[in-house]
């Protein structure tokens, strides 16, 4: 599974430009699925099984896209100014290497700061691609880039750019591989443009019209020095979402997920996240409403070039999803 995670995280696919990672995922899932298709917004929709009398139509979502930057101006000296795609954190940018979808590499610099103790704003940052002027700059306005950082295996812990949410994609792929039998009609949806407004989940959920929805995404952790006051830790299992900045998870779904985890003797945590949200929010409010929840992978340094997860948490997430999906759902 580590090789899969490395391949997924080292692929460049910012929001709106998910074709490269979609091709990687499609190659992995086609031998495992009954149907694979791509919809108008670029979501990869993978169906497995048909609904039995005891089953439901269940949508599982993990987003393919990652945060990125888009060139907005090239000055006379060849430096590239940019706009953010998704929740880019300015404090994580100085000195960061980036690669454009067209292959051009660069490094982020910033203007001289009057107060060196403060992080630069996005407006004070620029990308240096080694050009000496506007005419020889290989980047045009509208070109898109993402962080460039190699996958790092620390044994128990894994570090990479775009763990958010390639780790969720890996969990869905491995669940699809491990799930041999289910009473449900399952839709594994690898969504687009989550980082800019849950757009892929919005359209795919409308089309699938599920009876139940689950997102698999990352969440923050409260286990770093002076970090968030949050009862989620790396290495303590995946987290069942209670609420976040955009949704209250369905209480019946929370109870069902916890009950199955306890019956299977699988570790889990309970998550309350004050900011941010996931594809589950869009699934929950599609059409006339859908019972929805989220299984979260604890992650440090979210929306930075080096996001960290615990490998055992990832494996336990797969085990829990398999346990949830191989039997009838009792809400």
Protein backbone atom coordinates (compact mmCIF):
# COMPACT_ATOMS: atom_id res chain seq x y z
CA UNK A 1 0.00 0.00 0.00
CA UNK A 2 2.93 2.35 0.61
CA UNK A 3 3.90 2.15 -3.06
CA UNK A 4 0.36 3.17 -4.02
CA UNK A 5 0.43 6.10 -1.58
CA UNK A 6 3.77 7.25 -2.98
CA UNK A 7 2.51 7.15 -6.55
CA UNK A 8 -0.67 9.03 -5.68
CA UNK A 9 1.00 11.75 -3.62
CA UNK A 10 3.81 12.38 -6.11
CA UNK A 11 1.33 12.93 -8.95
CA UNK A 12 0.55 16.58 -9.72
CA UNK A 13 -3.18 17.29 -9.90
CA UNK A 14 -4.39 20.59 -8.43
CA UNK A 15 -8.10 21.41 -8.38
CA UNK A 16 -9.48 21.51 -11.90
CA UNK A 17 -6.50 19.57 -13.28
CA UNK A 18 -7.15 16.10 -11.88
CA UNK A 19 -6.56 14.16 -15.13
CA UNK A 20 -3.11 12.84 -14.16
CA UNK A 21 -4.10 11.37 -10.80
CA UNK A 22 -7.42 10.16 -12.22
CA UNK A 23 -5.47 8.06 -14.74
CA UNK A 24 -3.41 6.51 -11.93
CA UNK A 25 -6.52 5.66 -9.91
CA UNK A 26 -8.43 4.36 -12.92
CA UNK A 27 -5.64 1.92 -13.75
CA UNK A 28 -5.77 0.60 -10.19
CA UNK A 29 -9.55 0.20 -9.89
CA UNK A 30 -10.68 -1.00 -13.32
CA UNK A 31 -9.79 -4.67 -12.65
CA UNK A 32 -11.77 -4.52 -9.38
CA UNK A 33 -14.98 -2.82 -10.53
CA UNK A 34 -18.20 -3.67 -12.33
CA UNK A 35 -18.39 -0.24 -13.96
CA UNK A 36 -16.04 2.73 -14.26
CA UNK A 37 -16.98 6.08 -15.77
CA UNK A 38 -15.99 9.73 -15.72
CA UNK A 39 -18.71 12.36 -15.45
CA UNK A 40 -18.88 15.86 -16.90
CA UNK A 41 -17.02 17.43 -13.97
CA UNK A 42 -14.23 14.85 -14.10
CA UNK A 43 -15.26 12.70 -11.15
CA UNK A 44 -14.16 9.07 -11.43
CA UNK A 45 -17.20 6.96 -10.49
CA UNK A 46 -16.55 3.30 -9.73
CA UNK A 47 -19.47 0.94 -9.15
CA UNK A 48 -19.18 -2.43 -7.45
CA UNK A 49 -22.09 -4.81 -6.86
CA UNK A 50 -25.84 -4.56 -7.15
CA UNK A 51 -28.25 -3.72 -4.37
CA UNK A 52 -29.86 -6.73 -2.69
CA UNK A 53 -33.08 -6.75 -0.67
CA UNK A 54 -31.06 -5.99 2.49
CA UNK A 55 -28.69 -3.57 0.82
CA UNK A 56 -28.48 0.13 0.07
CA UNK A 57 -26.99 2.39 -2.55
CA UNK A 58 -23.92 3.78 -0.79
CA UNK A 59 -21.61 6.53 -2.02
CA UNK A 60 -18.05 6.72 -0.72
CA UNK A 61 -16.09 9.84 -1.66
CA UNK A 62 -12.43 10.84 -1.53
CA UNK A 63 -11.18 13.85 -3.43
CA UNK A 64 -8.43 13.61 -6.03
CA UNK A 65 -7.46 17.27 -6.15
CA UNK A 66 -4.83 19.08 -4.12
CA UNK A 67 -4.30 22.74 -3.30
CA UNK A 68 -2.21 24.69 -5.77
CA UNK A 69 -1.33 28.03 -7.32
CA UNK A 70 -2.19 29.65 -10.63
CA UNK A 71 0.02 32.22 -12.37
CA UNK A 72 -1.67 35.62 -12.44
CA UNK A 73 1.13 37.91 -13.71
CA UNK A 74 4.69 37.68 -15.04
CA UNK A 75 6.76 40.81 -14.38
CA UNK A 76 9.48 42.31 -16.57
CA UNK A 77 12.16 40.32 -14.70
CA UNK A 78 10.42 36.98 -15.21
CA UNK A 79 9.08 36.52 -11.68
CA UNK A 80 5.64 34.93 -11.52
CA UNK A 81 2.92 36.27 -9.24
CA UNK A 82 0.09 33.91 -8.40
CA UNK A 83 -3.37 33.34 -6.99
CA UNK A 84 -4.23 30.52 -4.59
CA UNK A 85 -6.25 27.45 -5.58
CA UNK A 86 -7.79 26.27 -2.33
CA UNK A 87 -6.65 26.97 1.22
CA UNK A 88 -2.98 27.80 0.69
CA UNK A 89 -1.22 28.88 3.89
CA UNK A 90 1.22 31.79 3.28
CA UNK A 91 3.48 30.76 6.19
CA UNK A 92 4.22 27.45 4.43
CA UNK A 93 5.31 29.02 1.14
CA UNK A 94 8.77 30.67 1.42
CA UNK A 95 11.45 28.44 -0.09
CA UNK A 96 8.94 25.84 -1.24
CA UNK A 97 9.54 24.18 -4.58
CA UNK A 98 6.66 23.92 -7.02
CA UNK A 99 6.07 22.22 -10.34
CA UNK A 100 3.64 23.40 -12.98
CA UNK A 101 1.32 20.99 -14.71
CA UNK A 102 3.33 21.66 -17.91
CA UNK A 103 6.53 20.43 -16.18
CA UNK A 104 8.18 23.76 -15.35
CA UNK A 105 9.77 23.86 -11.88
CA UNK A 106 10.29 26.84 -9.60
CA UNK A 107 10.80 28.02 -6.05
CA UNK A 108 8.69 30.48 -4.05
CA UNK A 109 10.35 33.66 -2.83
CA UNK A 110 8.98 36.82 -1.29
CA UNK A 111 9.60 40.54 -1.11
CA UNK A 112 11.74 41.95 1.67
CA UNK A 113 9.61 42.19 4.81
CA UNK A 114 9.59 45.18 7.14
CA UNK A 115 8.91 42.77 10.01
CA UNK A 116 10.92 39.58 9.56
CA UNK A 117 9.02 37.88 12.40
CA UNK A 118 5.81 37.79 10.32
CA UNK A 119 4.96 35.49 7.43
CA UNK A 120 4.59 37.15 4.03
CA UNK A 121 1.17 37.55 2.50
CA UNK A 122 0.28 35.80 -0.74
CA UNK A 123 0.55 39.16 -2.49
CA UNK A 124 4.17 39.48 -1.32
CA UNK A 125 5.18 36.08 -2.71
CA UNK A 126 6.34 35.15 -6.20
CA UNK A 127 7.64 32.10 -8.06
CA UNK A 128 11.19 32.13 -9.44
CA UNK A 129 11.48 29.76 -12.43
CA UNK A 130 15.00 30.86 -13.35
CA UNK A 131 13.91 33.28 -16.06
CA UNK A 132 15.81 36.52 -16.70
CA UNK A 133 12.84 38.36 -18.15
CA UNK A 134 9.23 38.13 -19.24
CA UNK A 135 10.13 36.97 -22.76
CA UNK A 136 12.08 33.90 -21.65
CA UNK A 137 9.73 32.93 -18.82
CA UNK A 138 8.20 29.50 -19.62
CA UNK A 139 5.11 30.24 -17.52
CA UNK A 140 2.03 32.01 -18.83
CA UNK A 141 -0.88 33.57 -16.99
CA UNK A 142 -3.25 30.73 -16.14
CA UNK A 143 -0.60 28.03 -15.77
CA UNK A 144 -1.19 25.95 -12.65
CA UNK A 145 1.31 24.43 -10.22
CA UNK A 146 1.43 22.43 -6.99
CA UNK A 147 4.02 21.76 -4.30
CA UNK A 148 6.92 19.50 -5.24
CA UNK A 149 8.17 17.31 -2.42
CA UNK A 150 9.13 13.60 -2.54
CA UNK A 151 7.29 10.96 -0.54
CA UNK A 152 9.05 10.16 2.73
CA UNK A 153 8.67 6.83 4.54
CA UNK A 154 9.52 7.20 8.23
CA UNK A 155 8.36 3.69 9.08
CA UNK A 156 5.20 4.20 11.13
CA UNK A 157 4.72 7.70 9.75
CA UNK A 158 4.43 8.77 6.12
CA UNK A 159 5.09 12.30 4.84
CA UNK A 160 4.17 13.80 1.47
CA UNK A 161 2.49 16.71 -0.22
CA UNK A 162 -1.18 16.06 -1.05
CA UNK A 163 -1.90 13.46 1.63
CA UNK A 164 -5.05 15.61 1.60
CA UNK A 165 -6.68 13.69 0.10
CA UNK A 166 -4.65 11.13 -1.81
CA UNK A 167 -4.56 9.13 1.42
CA UNK A 168 -8.36 8.94 1.24
CA UNK A 169 -8.09 7.81 -2.38
CA UNK A 170 -5.65 5.08 -1.32
CA UNK A 171 -8.04 3.94 1.42
CA UNK A 172 -10.91 3.64 -1.08
CA UNK A 173 -8.76 1.72 -3.57
CA UNK A 174 -7.61 -0.73 -0.90
CA UNK A 175 -11.17 -1.11 0.41
CA UNK A 176 -12.35 -1.91 -3.10
CA UNK A 177 -9.57 -4.49 -3.34
CA UNK A 178 -10.31 -6.09 0.04
CA UNK A 179 -14.12 -6.14 -0.14
CA UNK A 180 -15.07 -9.49 -1.67
CA UNK A 181 -18.78 -9.50 -0.86
CA UNK A 182 -21.37 -6.89 0.05
CA UNK A 183 -25.18 -6.64 -0.02
CA UNK A 184 -24.89 -3.04 -1.22
CA UNK A 185 -24.56 -1.24 -4.52
CA UNK A 186 -21.36 0.67 -3.84
CA UNK A 187 -20.16 3.79 -5.61
CA UNK A 188 -16.54 4.67 -4.94
CA UNK A 189 -16.27 8.26 -6.16
CA UNK A 190 -12.93 9.99 -6.60
CA UNK A 191 -14.07 13.58 -6.68
CA UNK A 192 -12.78 16.77 -8.27
CA UNK A 193 -12.47 20.33 -6.99
CA UNK A 194 -13.10 19.60 -3.32
CA UNK A 195 -10.53 22.18 -2.28
CA UNK A 196 -12.41 24.97 -4.04
CA UNK A 197 -15.93 24.22 -2.87
CA UNK A 198 -16.84 20.50 -2.86
CA UNK A 199 -17.89 20.79 -6.49
CA UNK A 200 -17.28 17.26 -7.68
CA UNK A 201 -19.12 15.74 -4.74
CA UNK A 202 -22.06 18.06 -5.32
CA UNK A 203 -22.68 16.92 -8.89
CA UNK A 204 -21.80 13.24 -8.43
CA UNK A 205 -24.03 12.86 -5.38
CA UNK A 206 -26.92 14.38 -7.32
CA UNK A 207 -26.39 11.87 -10.13
CA UNK A 208 -25.95 8.80 -7.93
CA UNK A 209 -28.77 9.70 -5.51
CA UNK A 210 -27.38 7.51 -2.69
CA UNK A 211 -29.22 6.14 0.33
CA UNK A 212 -26.12 6.71 2.46
CA UNK A 213 -22.92 8.70 2.01
CA UNK A 214 -19.46 8.51 3.55
CA UNK A 215 -16.46 10.71 2.84
CA UNK A 216 -12.90 9.65 3.58
CA UNK A 217 -10.63 12.62 4.18
CA UNK A 218 -7.95 13.92 6.51
CA UNK A 219 -8.47 15.81 9.74
CA UNK A 220 -6.16 17.76 12.01
CA UNK A 221 -4.49 16.38 15.11
CA UNK A 222 -3.97 17.75 18.60
CA UNK A 223 -0.68 16.02 19.34
CA UNK A 224 1.96 18.60 18.35
CA UNK A 225 3.55 21.17 20.71
CA UNK A 226 1.06 23.95 21.47
CA UNK A 227 -1.16 22.53 18.72
CA UNK A 228 -4.93 22.52 18.36
CA UNK A 229 -6.95 21.53 21.41
CA UNK A 230 -8.38 18.47 19.73
CA UNK A 231 -8.87 14.89 20.93
CA UNK A 232 -7.40 13.30 17.81
CA UNK A 233 -3.92 11.76 17.77
CA UNK A 234 -1.79 10.04 15.17
CA UNK A 235 -1.54 6.31 15.79
CA UNK A 236 -4.82 5.96 17.69
CA UNK A 237 -6.93 4.87 14.74
CA UNK A 238 -9.12 6.65 12.18
CA UNK A 239 -11.62 9.20 13.46
CA UNK A 240 -15.39 9.17 13.16
CA UNK A 241 -16.52 12.72 12.47
CA UNK A 242 -19.06 14.28 14.82
CA UNK A 243 -18.98 17.77 13.31
CA UNK A 244 -16.79 20.17 11.40
CA UNK A 245 -17.05 23.70 10.08
CA UNK A 246 -19.60 22.73 7.44
CA UNK A 247 -21.71 19.86 8.74
CA UNK A 248 -23.10 17.90 11.62
CA UNK A 249 -22.64 14.23 10.78
CA UNK A 250 -25.87 12.24 10.95
CA UNK A 251 -26.21 10.90 14.51
CA UNK A 252 -27.44 7.54 13.22
CA UNK A 253 -24.39 7.21 10.98
CA UNK A 254 -22.05 8.09 13.85
CA UNK A 255 -23.64 5.47 16.08
CA UNK A 256 -23.55 2.81 13.32
CA UNK A 257 -19.88 3.43 12.54
CA UNK A 258 -18.89 3.32 16.21
CA UNK A 259 -20.94 0.19 16.86
CA UNK A 260 -19.37 -1.71 13.97
CA UNK A 261 -15.87 -0.60 15.00
CA UNK A 262 -16.43 -1.84 18.54
CA UNK A 263 -17.91 -5.13 17.38
CA UNK A 264 -14.89 -5.68 15.12
CA UNK A 265 -12.51 -4.52 17.89
CA UNK A 266 -11.05 -1.85 15.66
CA UNK A 267 -9.62 1.35 17.16
CA UNK A 268 -11.31 4.63 16.40
CA UNK A 269 -11.41 8.21 17.64
CA UNK A 270 -14.19 10.80 17.72
CA UNK A 271 -13.55 13.98 15.79
CA UNK A 272 -14.77 17.52 16.23
CA UNK A 273 -13.11 19.95 13.82
CA UNK A 274 -13.85 23.64 14.21
CA UNK A 275 -12.90 24.70 10.67
CA UNK A 276 -13.09 23.18 7.22
CA UNK A 277 -15.35 20.47 5.89
CA UNK A 278 -15.43 17.51 3.50
CA UNK A 279 -17.35 16.05 0.59
CA UNK A 280 -19.77 14.59 3.15
CA UNK A 281 -21.30 18.04 3.53
CA UNK A 282 -22.36 18.11 -0.13
CA UNK A 283 -23.58 14.52 -0.08
CA UNK A 284 -25.68 15.24 3.01
CA UNK A 285 -27.69 18.01 1.36
CA UNK A 286 -28.11 16.55 -2.11
CA UNK A 287 -31.67 16.28 -3.47
CA UNK A 288 -34.00 15.68 -0.49
CA UNK A 289 -31.11 14.90 1.88
CA UNK A 290 -28.89 11.88 2.58
CA UNK A 291 -27.69 10.35 5.88
CA UNK A 292 -23.97 11.08 5.74
CA UNK A 293 -20.81 10.81 7.77
CA UNK A 294 -17.06 10.90 7.40
CA UNK A 295 -14.15 8.64 8.30
CA UNK A 296 -11.11 10.83 8.88
CA UNK A 297 -7.39 10.06 8.76
CA UNK A 298 -5.51 12.07 11.42
CA UNK A 299 -2.94 14.26 9.69
CA UNK A 300 -0.35 16.78 10.82
CA UNK A 301 0.59 19.92 8.87
CA UNK A 302 -2.46 19.91 6.57
CA UNK A 303 -2.19 22.19 3.51
CA UNK A 304 1.58 22.30 3.76
CA UNK A 305 4.19 20.69 1.45
CA UNK A 306 4.80 17.98 4.08
CA UNK A 307 1.62 16.39 5.46
CA UNK A 308 2.10 13.49 7.89
CA UNK A 309 -0.11 10.46 8.59
CA UNK A 310 0.32 7.26 10.59
CA UNK A 311 0.43 4.13 8.42
CA UNK A 312 -1.43 2.00 10.95
CA UNK A 313 -4.28 4.55 11.04
CA UNK A 314 -4.55 4.20 7.27
CA UNK A 315 -4.68 0.41 7.43
CA UNK A 316 -7.25 0.49 10.23
CA UNK A 317 -9.40 2.81 8.12
CA UNK A 318 -9.48 0.18 5.37
CA UNK A 319 -10.41 -2.52 7.88
CA UNK A 320 -13.21 -0.42 9.31
CA UNK A 321 -14.66 0.42 5.90
CA UNK A 322 -14.65 -3.25 4.94
CA UNK A 323 -16.44 -4.12 8.20
CA UNK A 324 -19.02 -1.39 7.57
CA UNK A 325 -19.74 -2.39 3.98
CA UNK A 326 -19.79 -6.17 4.08
CA UNK A 327 -23.05 -6.38 6.07
CA UNK A 328 -26.49 -4.72 6.01
CA UNK A 329 -26.58 -1.19 7.41
CA UNK A 330 -28.71 -0.71 10.52
CA UNK A 331 -29.39 2.98 11.21
